[in-house]
PDB file of N, CA and C in Angstrom:
ATOM      1  N   MET A   1      -3.900   2.932   7.209  1.00  0.00           N
ATOM      2  CA  MET A   1      -4.698   2.917   5.997  1.00  0.00           C
ATOM      3  C   MET A   1      -4.719   1.503   5.448  1.00  0.00           C
ATOM      4  N   THR A   2      -5.848   1.097   5.000  1.00  0.00           N
ATOM      5  CA  THR A   2      -6.012  -0.221   4.374  1.00  0.00           C
ATOM      6  C   THR A   2      -6.355  -0.035   2.898  1.00  0.00           C
ATOM      7  N   VAL A   3      -5.642  -0.801   2.056  1.00  0.00           N
ATOM      8  CA  VAL A   3      -5.868  -0.762   0.616  1.00  0.00           C
ATOM      9  C   VAL A   3      -6.297  -2.148   0.183  1.00  0.00           C
ATOM     10  N   LEU A   4      -7.457  -2.220  -0.452  1.00  0.00           N
ATOM     11  CA  LEU A   4      -7.974  -3.485  -0.970  1.00  0.00           C
ATOM     12  C   LEU A   4      -7.799  -3.512  -2.471  1.00  0.00           C
ATOM     13  N   VAL A   5      -7.076  -4.481  -2.952  1.00  0.00           N
ATOM     14  CA  VAL A   5      -6.754  -4.582  -4.408  1.00  0.00           C
ATOM     15  C   VAL A   5      -7.599  -5.682  -5.038  1.00  0.00           C
ATOM     16  N   ASP A   6      -8.070  -5.416  -6.241  1.00  0.00           N
ATOM     17  CA  ASP A   6      -8.831  -6.380  -6.994  1.00  0.00           C
ATOM     18  C   ASP A   6      -7.936  -7.596  -7.268  1.00  0.00           C
ATOM     19  N   PRO A   7      -8.316  -8.782  -6.820  1.00  0.00           N
ATOM     20  CA  PRO A   7      -7.489  -9.968  -7.063  1.00  0.00           C
ATOM     21  C   PRO A   7      -7.273 -10.305  -8.533  1.00  0.00           C
ATOM     22  N   GLU A   8      -8.113  -9.779  -9.404  1.00  0.00           N
ATOM     23  CA  GLU A   8      -7.924 -10.032 -10.832  1.00  0.00           C
ATOM     24  C   GLU A   8      -6.802  -9.160 -11.407  1.00  0.00           C
ATOM     25  N   HIS A   9      -6.358  -8.159 -10.615  1.00  0.00           N
ATOM     26  CA  HIS A   9      -5.249  -7.280 -11.025  1.00  0.00           C
ATOM     27  C   HIS A   9      -4.292  -7.127  -9.824  1.00  0.00           C
ATOM     28  N   PRO A  10      -3.661  -8.207  -9.406  1.00  0.00           N
ATOM     29  CA  PRO A  10      -2.927  -8.203  -8.116  1.00  0.00           C
ATOM     30  C   PRO A  10      -1.701  -7.317  -8.071  1.00  0.00           C
ATOM     31  N   ASP A  11      -1.145  -6.928  -9.171  1.00  0.00           N
ATOM     32  CA  ASP A  11       0.076  -6.116  -9.141  1.00  0.00           C
ATOM     33  C   ASP A  11      -0.152  -4.667  -9.463  1.00  0.00           C
ATOM     34  N   VAL A  12      -1.393  -4.253  -9.669  1.00  0.00           N
ATOM     35  CA  VAL A  12      -1.642  -2.888 -10.120  1.00  0.00           C
ATOM     36  C   VAL A  12      -1.162  -1.854  -9.113  1.00  0.00           C
ATOM     37  N   TRP A  13      -1.225  -2.189  -7.825  1.00  0.00           N
ATOM     38  CA  TRP A  13      -0.806  -1.214  -6.790  1.00  0.00           C
ATOM     39  C   TRP A  13       0.697  -0.960  -6.805  1.00  0.00           C
ATOM     40  N   LYS A  14       1.479  -1.853  -7.444  1.00  0.00           N
ATOM     41  CA  LYS A  14       2.929  -1.695  -7.506  1.00  0.00           C
ATOM     42  C   LYS A  14       3.367  -0.790  -8.650  1.00  0.00           C
ATOM     43  N   ALA A  15       2.424  -0.422  -9.531  1.00  0.00           N
ATOM     44  CA  ALA A  15       2.727   0.390 -10.717  1.00  0.00           C
ATOM     45  C   ALA A  15       2.261   1.835 -10.461  1.00  0.00           C
ATOM     46  N   GLU A  16       2.747   2.725 -11.293  1.00  0.00           N
ATOM     47  CA  GLU A  16       2.317   4.121 -11.224  1.00  0.00           C
ATOM     48  C   GLU A  16       0.939   4.253 -11.865  1.00  0.00           C
ATOM     49  N   PRO A  17       0.144   5.119 -11.385  1.00  0.00           N
ATOM     50  CA  PRO A  17       0.409   6.173 -10.413  1.00  0.00           C
ATOM     51  C   PRO A  17       0.245   5.761  -8.960  1.00  0.00           C
ATOM     52  N   TYR A  18      -0.099   4.491  -8.717  1.00  0.00           N
ATOM     53  CA  TYR A  18      -0.419   4.069  -7.355  1.00  0.00           C
ATOM     54  C   TYR A  18       0.791   3.915  -6.471  1.00  0.00           C
ATOM     55  N   ALA A  19       1.898   3.354  -6.969  1.00  0.00           N
ATOM     56  CA  ALA A  19       3.056   3.048  -6.122  1.00  0.00           C
ATOM     57  C   ALA A  19       3.614   4.280  -5.429  1.00  0.00           C
ATOM     58  N   SER A  20       3.822   5.344  -6.131  1.00  0.00           N
ATOM     59  CA  SER A  20       4.426   6.538  -5.502  1.00  0.00           C
ATOM     60  C   SER A  20       3.445   7.143  -4.477  1.00  0.00           C
ATOM     61  N   GLY A  21       2.152   7.114  -4.785  1.00  0.00           N
ATOM     62  CA  GLY A  21       1.175   7.626  -3.841  1.00  0.00           C
ATOM     63  C   GLY A  21       1.106   6.819  -2.563  1.00  0.00           C
ATOM     64  N   LEU A  22       1.121   5.502  -2.700  1.00  0.00           N
ATOM     65  CA  LEU A  22       1.091   4.633  -1.521  1.00  0.00           C
ATOM     66  C   LEU A  22       2.350   4.776  -0.690  1.00  0.00           C
ATOM     67  N   ASN A  23       3.506   4.893  -1.383  1.00  0.00           N
ATOM     68  CA  ASN A  23       4.754   5.121  -0.650  1.00  0.00           C
ATOM     69  C   ASN A  23       4.749   6.440   0.127  1.00  0.00           C
ATOM     70  N   ALA A  24       4.227   7.481  -0.485  1.00  0.00           N
ATOM     71  CA  ALA A  24       4.137   8.771   0.189  1.00  0.00           C
ATOM     72  C   ALA A  24       3.188   8.680   1.383  1.00  0.00           C
ATOM     73  N   MET A  25       2.074   7.986   1.230  1.00  0.00           N
ATOM     74  CA  MET A  25       1.156   7.845   2.361  1.00  0.00           C
ATOM     75  C   MET A  25       1.774   7.025   3.495  1.00  0.00           C
ATOM     76  N   ALA A  26       2.571   5.995   3.137  1.00  0.00           N
ATOM     77  CA  ALA A  26       3.238   5.183   4.181  1.00  0.00           C
ATOM     78  C   ALA A  26       4.234   6.030   4.935  1.00  0.00           C
ATOM     79  N   LYS A  27       4.967   6.862   4.229  1.00  0.00           N
ATOM     80  CA  LYS A  27       5.957   7.728   4.878  1.00  0.00           C
ATOM     81  C   LYS A  27       5.257   8.718   5.809  1.00  0.00           C
ATOM     82  N   LYS A  28       4.183   9.324   5.347  1.00  0.00           N
ATOM     83  CA  LYS A  28       3.459  10.308   6.181  1.00  0.00           C
ATOM     84  C   LYS A  28       2.813   9.580   7.377  1.00  0.00           C
ATOM     85  N   ALA A  29       2.219   8.431   7.171  1.00  0.00           N
ATOM     86  CA  ALA A  29       1.576   7.715   8.273  1.00  0.00           C
ATOM     87  C   ALA A  29       2.591   7.340   9.365  1.00  0.00           C
ATOM     88  N   ALA A  30       3.789   6.979   8.938  1.00  0.00           N
ATOM     89  CA  ALA A  30       4.838   6.532   9.905  1.00  0.00           C
ATOM     90  C   ALA A  30       5.190   7.646  10.882  1.00  0.00           C
ATOM     91  N   THR A  31       5.036   8.909  10.476  1.00  0.00           N
ATOM     92  CA  THR A  31       5.400   9.999  11.381  1.00  0.00           C
ATOM     93  C   THR A  31       4.504  10.047  12.606  1.00  0.00           C
ATOM     94  N   SER A  32       3.320   9.444  12.519  1.00  0.00           N
ATOM     95  CA  SER A  32       2.435   9.433  13.688  1.00  0.00           C
ATOM     96  C   SER A  32       2.150   8.005  14.154  1.00  0.00           C
ATOM     97  N   GLY A  33       3.035   7.070  13.778  1.00  0.00           N
ATOM     98  CA  GLY A  33       2.879   5.715  14.240  1.00  0.00           C
ATOM     99  C   GLY A  33       1.930   4.862  13.407  1.00  0.00           C
ATOM    100  N   GLY A  34       1.490   5.377  12.252  1.00  0.00           N
ATOM    101  CA  GLY A  34       0.574   4.648  11.388  1.00  0.00           C
ATOM    102  C   GLY A  34       1.309   3.847  10.323  1.00  0.00           C
ATOM    103  N   TYR A  35       0.537   3.186   9.488  1.00  0.00           N
ATOM    104  CA  TYR A  35       1.114   2.367   8.425  1.00  0.00           C
ATOM    105  C   TYR A  35       0.085   2.170   7.308  1.00  0.00           C
ATOM    106  N   VAL A  36       0.561   1.655   6.193  1.00  0.00           N
ATOM    107  CA  VAL A  36      -0.302   1.338   5.069  1.00  0.00           C
ATOM    108  C   VAL A  36      -0.228  -0.175   4.822  1.00  0.00           C
ATOM    109  N   ILE A  37      -1.376  -0.805   4.819  1.00  0.00           N
ATOM    110  CA  ILE A  37      -1.471  -2.255   4.602  1.00  0.00           C
ATOM    111  C   ILE A  37      -2.233  -2.476   3.296  1.00  0.00           C
ATOM    112  N   VAL A  38      -1.660  -3.389   2.445  1.00  0.00           N
ATOM    113  CA  VAL A  38      -2.302  -3.725   1.189  1.00  0.00           C
ATOM    114  C   VAL A  38      -2.790  -5.154   1.271  1.00  0.00           C
ATOM    115  N   PHE A  39      -4.072  -5.378   0.950  1.00  0.00           N
ATOM    116  CA  PHE A  39      -4.630  -6.727   0.899  1.00  0.00           C
ATOM    117  C   PHE A  39      -4.913  -7.055  -0.567  1.00  0.00           C
ATOM    118  N   VAL A  40      -4.360  -8.200  -0.981  1.00  0.00           N
ATOM    119  CA  VAL A  40      -4.608  -8.724  -2.334  1.00  0.00           C
ATOM    120  C   VAL A  40      -5.028 -10.170  -2.170  1.00  0.00           C
ATOM    121  N   GLY A  41      -6.339 -10.389  -2.153  1.00  0.00           N
ATOM    122  CA  GLY A  41      -6.816 -11.763  -1.849  1.00  0.00           C
ATOM    123  C   GLY A  41      -6.393 -12.141  -0.460  1.00  0.00           C
ATOM    124  N   ASP A  42      -5.635 -13.248  -0.306  1.00  0.00           N
ATOM    125  CA  ASP A  42      -5.159 -13.702   0.990  1.00  0.00           C
ATOM    126  C   ASP A  42      -3.791 -13.133   1.339  1.00  0.00           C
ATOM    127  N   GLU A  43      -3.158 -12.408   0.426  1.00  0.00           N
ATOM    128  CA  GLU A  43      -1.842 -11.810   0.644  1.00  0.00           C
ATOM    129  C   GLU A  43      -1.998 -10.486   1.377  1.00  0.00           C
ATOM    130  N   ILE A  44      -1.103 -10.242   2.352  1.00  0.00           N
ATOM    131  CA  ILE A  44      -1.114  -8.985   3.120  1.00  0.00           C
ATOM    132  C   ILE A  44       0.300  -8.410   3.061  1.00  0.00           C
ATOM    133  N   VAL A  45       0.389  -7.167   2.676  1.00  0.00           N
ATOM    134  CA  VAL A  45       1.721  -6.478   2.537  1.00  0.00           C
ATOM    135  C   VAL A  45       1.654  -5.166   3.304  1.00  0.00           C
ATOM    136  N   LYS A  46       2.651  -4.945   4.173  1.00  0.00           N
ATOM    137  CA  LYS A  46       2.792  -3.648   4.835  1.00  0.00           C
ATOM    138  C   LYS A  46       3.826  -2.851   4.032  1.00  0.00           C
ATOM    139  N   ILE A  47       3.436  -1.691   3.593  1.00  0.00           N
ATOM    140  CA  ILE A  47       4.335  -0.859   2.778  1.00  0.00           C
ATOM    141  C   ILE A  47       5.293  -0.130   3.748  1.00  0.00           C
ATOM    142  N   PRO A  48       6.594  -0.392   3.593  1.00  0.00           N
ATOM    143  CA  PRO A  48       7.541   0.294   4.509  1.00  0.00           C
ATOM    144  C   PRO A  48       7.658   1.776   4.175  1.00  0.00           C
ATOM    145  N   PRO A  49       7.826   2.600   5.194  1.00  0.00           N
ATOM    146  CA  PRO A  49       8.023   4.019   4.888  1.00  0.00           C
ATOM    147  C   PRO A  49       9.408   4.204   4.238  1.00  0.00           C
ATOM    148  N   ALA A  50       9.415   4.813   3.097  1.00  0.00           N
ATOM    149  CA  ALA A  50      10.702   4.970   2.355  1.00  0.00           C
ATOM    150  C   ALA A  50      11.179   6.392   2.448  1.00  0.00           C
TER     151      ALA A  50
END
């Protein structure tokens, strides 16, 4: 899964309600070899399955 974040609000994905949802998706994706990637401008973050 790819998440594109508005560069004018670069930290919004780290706050609720988004953070727990993205973490849950990363955990679920990992069970089938997938992952969640967050793009914020030129920054790229892979959310680790927790």
